PDB file of N, CA and C in Angstrom:
ATOM      1  N   MET A   1     -45.427  87.401 -62.318  1.00  0.00           N
ATOM      2  CA  MET A   1     -46.842  87.597 -62.472  1.00  0.00           C
ATOM      3  C   MET A   1     -47.377  88.246 -61.196  1.00  0.00           C
ATOM      4  N   LYS A   2     -48.119  89.329 -61.361  1.00  0.00           N
ATOM      5  CA  LYS A   2     -48.744  90.020 -60.239  1.00  0.00           C
ATOM      6  C   LYS A   2     -50.239  90.115 -60.499  1.00  0.00           C
ATOM      7  N   ILE A   3     -51.013  89.920 -59.448  1.00  0.00           N
ATOM      8  CA  ILE A   3     -52.461  89.981 -59.577  1.00  0.00           C
ATOM      9  C   ILE A   3     -52.996  91.098 -58.691  1.00  0.00           C
ATOM     10  N   LYS A   4     -53.754  91.992 -59.281  1.00  0.00           N
ATOM     11  CA  LYS A   4     -54.419  93.068 -58.545  1.00  0.00           C
ATOM     12  C   LYS A   4     -55.911  92.790 -58.589  1.00  0.00           C
ATOM     13  N   LEU A   5     -56.574  92.985 -57.456  1.00  0.00           N
ATOM     14  CA  LEU A   5     -57.997  92.698 -57.353  1.00  0.00           C
ATOM     15  C   LEU A   5     -58.749  93.956 -56.935  1.00  0.00           C
ATOM     16  N   ASP A   6     -59.772  94.304 -57.692  1.00  0.00           N
ATOM     17  CA  ASP A   6     -60.684  95.386 -57.340  1.00  0.00           C
ATOM     18  C   ASP A   6     -61.972  94.714 -56.869  1.00  0.00           C
ATOM     19  N   LYS A   7     -62.139  94.620 -55.557  1.00  0.00           N
ATOM     20  CA  LYS A   7     -63.289  93.907 -55.001  1.00  0.00           C
ATOM     21  C   LYS A   7     -64.596  94.605 -55.332  1.00  0.00           C
ATOM     22  N   ASP A   8     -64.599  95.939 -55.357  1.00  0.00           N
ATOM     23  CA  ASP A   8     -65.825  96.674 -55.668  1.00  0.00           C
ATOM     24  C   ASP A   8     -66.319  96.373 -57.081  1.00  0.00           C
ATOM     25  N   ALA A   9     -65.405  96.278 -58.020  1.00  0.00           N
ATOM     26  CA  ALA A   9     -65.760  96.003 -59.410  1.00  0.00           C
ATOM     27  C   ALA A   9     -65.788  94.506 -59.709  1.00  0.00           C
ATOM     28  N   ASP A  10     -65.325  93.688 -58.750  1.00  0.00           N
ATOM     29  CA  ASP A  10     -65.181  92.240 -58.940  1.00  0.00           C
ATOM     30  C   ASP A  10     -64.379  91.951 -60.201  1.00  0.00           C
ATOM     31  N   ALA A  11     -63.240  92.649 -60.303  1.00  0.00           N
ATOM     32  CA  ALA A  11     -62.362  92.507 -61.464  1.00  0.00           C
ATOM     33  C   ALA A  11     -60.929  92.300 -60.987  1.00  0.00           C
ATOM     34  N   ALA A  12     -60.194  91.506 -61.741  1.00  0.00           N
ATOM     35  CA  ALA A  12     -58.791  91.268 -61.432  1.00  0.00           C
ATOM     36  C   ALA A  12     -57.955  91.587 -62.666  1.00  0.00           C
ATOM     37  N   TYR A  13     -56.711  92.005 -62.426  1.00  0.00           N
ATOM     38  CA  TYR A  13     -55.780  92.225 -63.521  1.00  0.00           C
ATOM     39  C   TYR A  13     -54.521  91.423 -63.222  1.00  0.00           C
ATOM     40  N   ILE A  14     -54.166  90.571 -64.159  1.00  0.00           N
ATOM     41  CA  ILE A  14     -52.978  89.727 -64.029  1.00  0.00           C
ATOM     42  C   ILE A  14     -51.906  90.284 -64.949  1.00  0.00           C
ATOM     43  N   LYS A  15     -50.858  90.869 -64.349  1.00  0.00           N
ATOM     44  CA  LYS A  15     -49.733  91.398 -65.134  1.00  0.00           C
ATOM     45  C   LYS A  15     -48.757  90.259 -65.402  1.00  0.00           C
ATOM     46  N   VAL A  16     -48.413  90.061 -66.664  1.00  0.00           N
ATOM     47  CA  VAL A  16     -47.453  89.015 -67.011  1.00  0.00           C
ATOM     48  C   VAL A  16     -46.067  89.587 -67.311  1.00  0.00           C
ATOM     49  N   VAL A  17     -45.956  90.910 -67.235  1.00  0.00           N
ATOM     50  CA  VAL A  17     -44.662  91.590 -67.364  1.00  0.00           C
ATOM     51  C   VAL A  17     -44.447  92.412 -66.096  1.00  0.00           C
ATOM     52  N   ASP A  18     -43.221  92.811 -65.853  1.00  0.00           N
ATOM     53  CA  ASP A  18     -42.906  93.557 -64.635  1.00  0.00           C
ATOM     54  C   ASP A  18     -43.602  94.908 -64.576  1.00  0.00           C
ATOM     55  N   GLU A  19     -43.613  95.614 -65.694  1.00  0.00           N
ATOM     56  CA  GLU A  19     -44.163  96.967 -65.705  1.00  0.00           C
ATOM     57  C   GLU A  19     -44.902  97.215 -67.009  1.00  0.00           C
ATOM     58  N   ILE A  20     -46.048  97.879 -66.901  1.00  0.00           N
ATOM     59  CA  ILE A  20     -46.804  98.292 -68.084  1.00  0.00           C
ATOM     60  C   ILE A  20     -46.894  99.816 -68.033  1.00  0.00           C
ATOM     61  N   LYS A  21     -46.308 100.463 -69.020  1.00  0.00           N
ATOM     62  CA  LYS A  21     -46.311 101.926 -69.073  1.00  0.00           C
ATOM     63  C   LYS A  21     -47.646 102.432 -69.624  1.00  0.00           C
ATOM     64  N   ASP A  22     -48.005 103.651 -69.256  1.00  0.00           N
ATOM     65  CA  ASP A  22     -49.228 104.267 -69.770  1.00  0.00           C
ATOM     66  C   ASP A  22     -49.205 104.255 -71.293  1.00  0.00           C
ATOM     67  N   GLY A  23     -50.270 103.783 -71.886  1.00  0.00           N
ATOM     68  CA  GLY A  23     -50.381 103.751 -73.337  1.00  0.00           C
ATOM     69  C   GLY A  23     -49.679 102.591 -74.004  1.00  0.00           C
ATOM     70  N   GLU A  24     -49.003 101.752 -73.235  1.00  0.00           N
ATOM     71  CA  GLU A  24     -48.257 100.639 -73.836  1.00  0.00           C
ATOM     72  C   GLU A  24     -49.187  99.562 -74.398  1.00  0.00           C
ATOM     73  N   ALA A  25     -50.320  99.352 -73.744  1.00  0.00           N
ATOM     74  CA  ALA A  25     -51.279  98.365 -74.249  1.00  0.00           C
ATOM     75  C   ALA A  25     -52.018  98.987 -75.429  1.00  0.00           C
ATOM     76  N   THR A  26     -51.702  98.523 -76.624  1.00  0.00           N
ATOM     77  CA  THR A  26     -52.268  99.121 -77.834  1.00  0.00           C
ATOM     78  C   THR A  26     -53.335  98.252 -78.480  1.00  0.00           C
ATOM     79  N   LYS A  27     -53.442  97.002 -78.031  1.00  0.00           N
ATOM     80  CA  LYS A  27     -54.438  96.105 -78.608  1.00  0.00           C
ATOM     81  C   LYS A  27     -55.077  95.286 -77.496  1.00  0.00           C
ATOM     82  N   ASN A  28     -56.400  95.211 -77.542  1.00  0.00           N
ATOM     83  CA  ASN A  28     -57.152  94.410 -76.589  1.00  0.00           C
ATOM     84  C   ASN A  28     -57.906  93.334 -77.352  1.00  0.00           C
ATOM     85  N   VAL A  29     -57.839  92.114 -76.855  1.00  0.00           N
ATOM     86  CA  VAL A  29     -58.558  91.009 -77.479  1.00  0.00           C
ATOM     87  C   VAL A  29     -59.502  90.412 -76.441  1.00  0.00           C
ATOM     88  N   MET A  30     -60.790  90.399 -76.766  1.00  0.00           N
ATOM     89  CA  MET A  30     -61.776  89.829 -75.869  1.00  0.00           C
ATOM     90  C   MET A  30     -61.803  88.314 -76.109  1.00  0.00           C
ATOM     91  N   LEU A  31     -61.213  87.590 -75.171  1.00  0.00           N
ATOM     92  CA  LEU A  31     -61.133  86.139 -75.294  1.00  0.00           C
ATOM     93  C   LEU A  31     -62.484  85.499 -75.005  1.00  0.00           C
ATOM     94  N   SER A  32     -63.181  86.056 -74.047  1.00  0.00           N
ATOM     95  CA  SER A  32     -64.541  85.629 -73.710  1.00  0.00           C
ATOM     96  C   SER A  32     -65.243  86.831 -73.098  1.00  0.00           C
ATOM     97  N   GLU A  33     -66.454  86.643 -72.654  1.00  0.00           N
ATOM     98  CA  GLU A  33     -67.212  87.741 -72.063  1.00  0.00           C
ATOM     99  C   GLU A  33     -66.515  88.332 -70.836  1.00  0.00           C
ATOM    100  N   ASN A  34     -65.721  87.508 -70.132  1.00  0.00           N
ATOM    101  CA  ASN A  34     -65.091  87.937 -68.882  1.00  0.00           C
ATOM    102  C   ASN A  34     -63.579  88.066 -68.943  1.00  0.00           C
ATOM    103  N   ILE A  35     -62.958  87.757 -70.063  1.00  0.00           N
ATOM    104  CA  ILE A  35     -61.493  87.759 -70.136  1.00  0.00           C
ATOM    105  C   ILE A  35     -61.022  88.594 -71.321  1.00  0.00           C
ATOM    106  N   ILE A  36     -60.179  89.599 -71.001  1.00  0.00           N
ATOM    107  CA  ILE A  36     -59.650  90.506 -72.018  1.00  0.00           C
ATOM    108  C   ILE A  36     -58.125  90.485 -71.945  1.00  0.00           C
ATOM    109  N   LEU A  37     -57.490  90.261 -73.078  1.00  0.00           N
ATOM    110  CA  LEU A  37     -56.031  90.222 -73.161  1.00  0.00           C
ATOM    111  C   LEU A  37     -55.510  91.560 -73.659  1.00  0.00           C
ATOM    112  N   ASP A  38     -54.457  92.079 -73.024  1.00  0.00           N
ATOM    113  CA  ASP A  38     -53.815  93.324 -73.437  1.00  0.00           C
ATOM    114  C   ASP A  38     -52.455  93.020 -74.058  1.00  0.00           C
ATOM    115  N   PHE A  39     -52.238  93.561 -75.256  1.00  0.00           N
ATOM    116  CA  PHE A  39     -50.985  93.369 -75.987  1.00  0.00           C
ATOM    117  C   PHE A  39     -50.340  94.714 -76.284  1.00  0.00           C
ATOM    118  N   ASN A  40     -49.004  94.705 -76.455  1.00  0.00           N
ATOM    119  CA  ASN A  40     -48.311  95.922 -76.887  1.00  0.00           C
ATOM    120  C   ASN A  40     -48.261  95.952 -78.411  1.00  0.00           C
ATOM    121  N   SER A  41     -47.642  96.980 -78.958  1.00  0.00           N
ATOM    122  CA  SER A  41     -47.600  97.154 -80.416  1.00  0.00           C
ATOM    123  C   SER A  41     -46.803  96.070 -81.125  1.00  0.00           C
ATOM    124  N   GLU A  42     -45.968  95.356 -80.388  1.00  0.00           N
ATOM    125  CA  GLU A  42     -45.177  94.269 -80.974  1.00  0.00           C
ATOM    126  C   GLU A  42     -45.888  92.920 -80.859  1.00  0.00           C
ATOM    127  N   GLY A  43     -47.090  92.922 -80.273  1.00  0.00           N
ATOM    128  CA  GLY A  43     -47.854  91.687 -80.148  1.00  0.00           C
ATOM    129  C   GLY A  43     -47.548  90.871 -78.908  1.00  0.00           C
ATOM    130  N   ASN A  44     -46.804  91.459 -77.962  1.00  0.00           N
ATOM    131  CA  ASN A  44     -46.474  90.755 -76.721  1.00  0.00           C
ATOM    132  C   ASN A  44     -47.591  90.922 -75.700  1.00  0.00           C
ATOM    133  N   LEU A  45     -47.938  89.838 -75.031  1.00  0.00           N
ATOM    134  CA  LEU A  45     -48.962  89.876 -73.999  1.00  0.00           C
ATOM    135  C   LEU A  45     -48.441  90.621 -72.782  1.00  0.00           C
ATOM    136  N   LEU A  46     -49.208  91.613 -72.329  1.00  0.00           N
ATOM    137  CA  LEU A  46     -48.831  92.408 -71.161  1.00  0.00           C
ATOM    138  C   LEU A  46     -49.616  91.986 -69.929  1.00  0.00           C
ATOM    139  N   GLY A  47     -50.899  91.753 -70.115  1.00  0.00           N
ATOM    140  CA  GLY A  47     -51.738  91.427 -68.978  1.00  0.00           C
ATOM    141  C   GLY A  47     -53.081  90.878 -69.386  1.00  0.00           C
ATOM    142  N   ILE A  48     -53.802  90.395 -68.375  1.00  0.00           N
ATOM    143  CA  ILE A  48     -55.098  89.771 -68.582  1.00  0.00           C
ATOM    144  C   ILE A  48     -56.086  90.386 -67.593  1.00  0.00           C
ATOM    145  N   GLU A  49     -57.163  90.947 -68.107  1.00  0.00           N
ATOM    146  CA  GLU A  49     -58.212  91.472 -67.256  1.00  0.00           C
ATOM    147  C   GLU A  49     -59.301  90.413 -67.124  1.00  0.00           C
ATOM    148  N   VAL A  50     -59.708  90.162 -65.888  1.00  0.00           N
ATOM    149  CA  VAL A  50     -60.727  89.155 -65.618  1.00  0.00           C
ATOM    150  C   VAL A  50     -61.902  89.822 -64.913  1.00  0.00           C
ATOM    151  N   LEU A  51     -63.047  89.839 -65.571  1.00  0.00           N
ATOM    152  CA  LEU A  51     -64.266  90.388 -64.994  1.00  0.00           C
ATOM    153  C   LEU A  51     -65.009  89.271 -64.268  1.00  0.00           C
ATOM    154  N   ASP A  52     -65.873  89.630 -63.322  1.00  0.00           N
ATOM    155  CA  ASP A  52     -66.543  88.633 -62.470  1.00  0.00           C
ATOM    156  C   ASP A  52     -65.501  87.695 -61.861  1.00  0.00           C
ATOM    157  N   ALA A  53     -64.443  88.293 -61.347  1.00  0.00           N
ATOM    158  CA  ALA A  53     -63.286  87.539 -60.865  1.00  0.00           C
ATOM    159  C   ALA A  53     -63.651  86.511 -59.798  1.00  0.00           C
ATOM    160  N   SER A  54     -64.580  86.845 -58.927  1.00  0.00           N
ATOM    161  CA  SER A  54     -64.934  85.923 -57.846  1.00  0.00           C
ATOM    162  C   SER A  54     -65.587  84.655 -58.374  1.00  0.00           C
ATOM    163  N   LYS A  55     -66.160  84.730 -59.574  1.00  0.00           N
ATOM    164  CA  LYS A  55     -66.791  83.559 -60.181  1.00  0.00           C
ATOM    165  C   LYS A  55     -65.881  82.878 -61.190  1.00  0.00           C
ATOM    166  N   THR A  56     -64.918  83.634 -61.728  1.00  0.00           N
ATOM    167  CA  THR A  56     -64.092  83.138 -62.827  1.00  0.00           C
ATOM    168  C   THR A  56     -62.767  82.530 -62.349  1.00  0.00           C
ATOM    169  N   LEU A  57     -62.156  83.138 -61.335  1.00  0.00           N
ATOM    170  CA  LEU A  57     -60.840  82.699 -60.880  1.00  0.00           C
ATOM    171  C   LEU A  57     -60.931  81.772 -59.672  1.00  0.00           C
ATOM    172  N   ASN A  58     -59.915  80.963 -59.520  1.00  0.00           N
ATOM    173  CA  ASN A  58     -59.771  80.082 -58.371  1.00  0.00           C
ATOM    174  C   ASN A  58     -59.664  80.918 -57.103  1.00  0.00           C
ATOM    175  N   GLN A  59     -60.360  80.511 -56.054  1.00  0.00           N
ATOM    176  CA  GLN A  59     -60.380  81.275 -54.802  1.00  0.00           C
ATOM    177  C   GLN A  59     -58.986  81.403 -54.177  1.00  0.00           C
ATOM    178  N   ASP A  60     -58.139  80.381 -54.288  1.00  0.00           N
ATOM    179  CA  ASP A  60     -56.772  80.469 -53.760  1.00  0.00           C
ATOM    180  C   ASP A  60     -55.988  81.557 -54.479  1.00  0.00           C
ATOM    181  N   LEU A  61     -56.208  81.688 -55.767  1.00  0.00           N
ATOM    182  CA  LEU A  61     -55.545  82.725 -56.548  1.00  0.00           C
ATOM    183  C   LEU A  61     -56.005  84.109 -56.103  1.00  0.00           C
ATOM    184  N   LEU A  62     -57.281  84.251 -55.827  1.00  0.00           N
ATOM    185  CA  LEU A  62     -57.815  85.534 -55.366  1.00  0.00           C
ATOM    186  C   LEU A  62     -57.238  85.918 -54.011  1.00  0.00           C
ATOM    187  N   LEU A  63     -56.996  84.950 -53.149  1.00  0.00           N
ATOM    188  CA  LEU A  63     -56.409  85.236 -51.828  1.00  0.00           C
ATOM    189  C   LEU A  63     -54.991  85.780 -51.941  1.00  0.00           C
ATOM    190  N   GLU A  64     -54.284  85.404 -53.005  1.00  0.00           N
ATOM    191  CA  GLU A  64     -52.910  85.862 -53.228  1.00  0.00           C
ATOM    192  C   GLU A  64     -52.868  87.258 -53.833  1.00  0.00           C
ATOM    193  N   ALA A  65     -53.986  87.726 -54.390  1.00  0.00           N
ATOM    194  CA  ALA A  65     -54.029  89.007 -55.079  1.00  0.00           C
ATOM    195  C   ALA A  65     -53.912  90.159 -54.109  1.00  0.00           C
ATOM    196  N   SER A  66     -53.293  91.238 -54.580  1.00  0.00           N
ATOM    197  CA  SER A  66     -53.256  92.452 -53.762  1.00  0.00           C
ATOM    198  C   SER A  66     -54.446  93.310 -54.147  1.00  0.00           C
ATOM    199  N   SER A  67     -55.102  93.843 -53.140  1.00  0.00           N
ATOM    200  CA  SER A  67     -56.315  94.617 -53.342  1.00  0.00           C
ATOM    201  C   SER A  67     -55.974  96.051 -53.709  1.00  0.00           C
ATOM    202  N   ILE A  68     -56.748  96.631 -54.635  1.00  0.00           N
ATOM    203  CA  ILE A  68     -56.502  98.031 -54.998  1.00  0.00           C
ATOM    204  C   ILE A  68     -57.503  98.957 -54.337  1.00  0.00           C
ATOM    205  N   ASN A  69     -58.379  98.418 -53.494  1.00  0.00           N
ATOM    206  CA  ASN A  69     -59.302  99.306 -52.772  1.00  0.00           C
ATOM    207  C   ASN A  69     -59.592  98.772 -51.407  1.00  0.00           C
TER     208      ASN A  69
END
């Protein structure tokens, strides 16, 4: 599991697979207003997008995230 944090957008992406290829995420499911699940065509979970990350995620988890900006 890898976590990327965009501090400017206050968004985090949690990858649950090693690599996600361009176009591989074919289905998005909005779990809540701030959480979106990405699945491939076979229904496998690829990653989780978390909006308002600073309010939604545990602060210790955010400290472990690698920043993309």
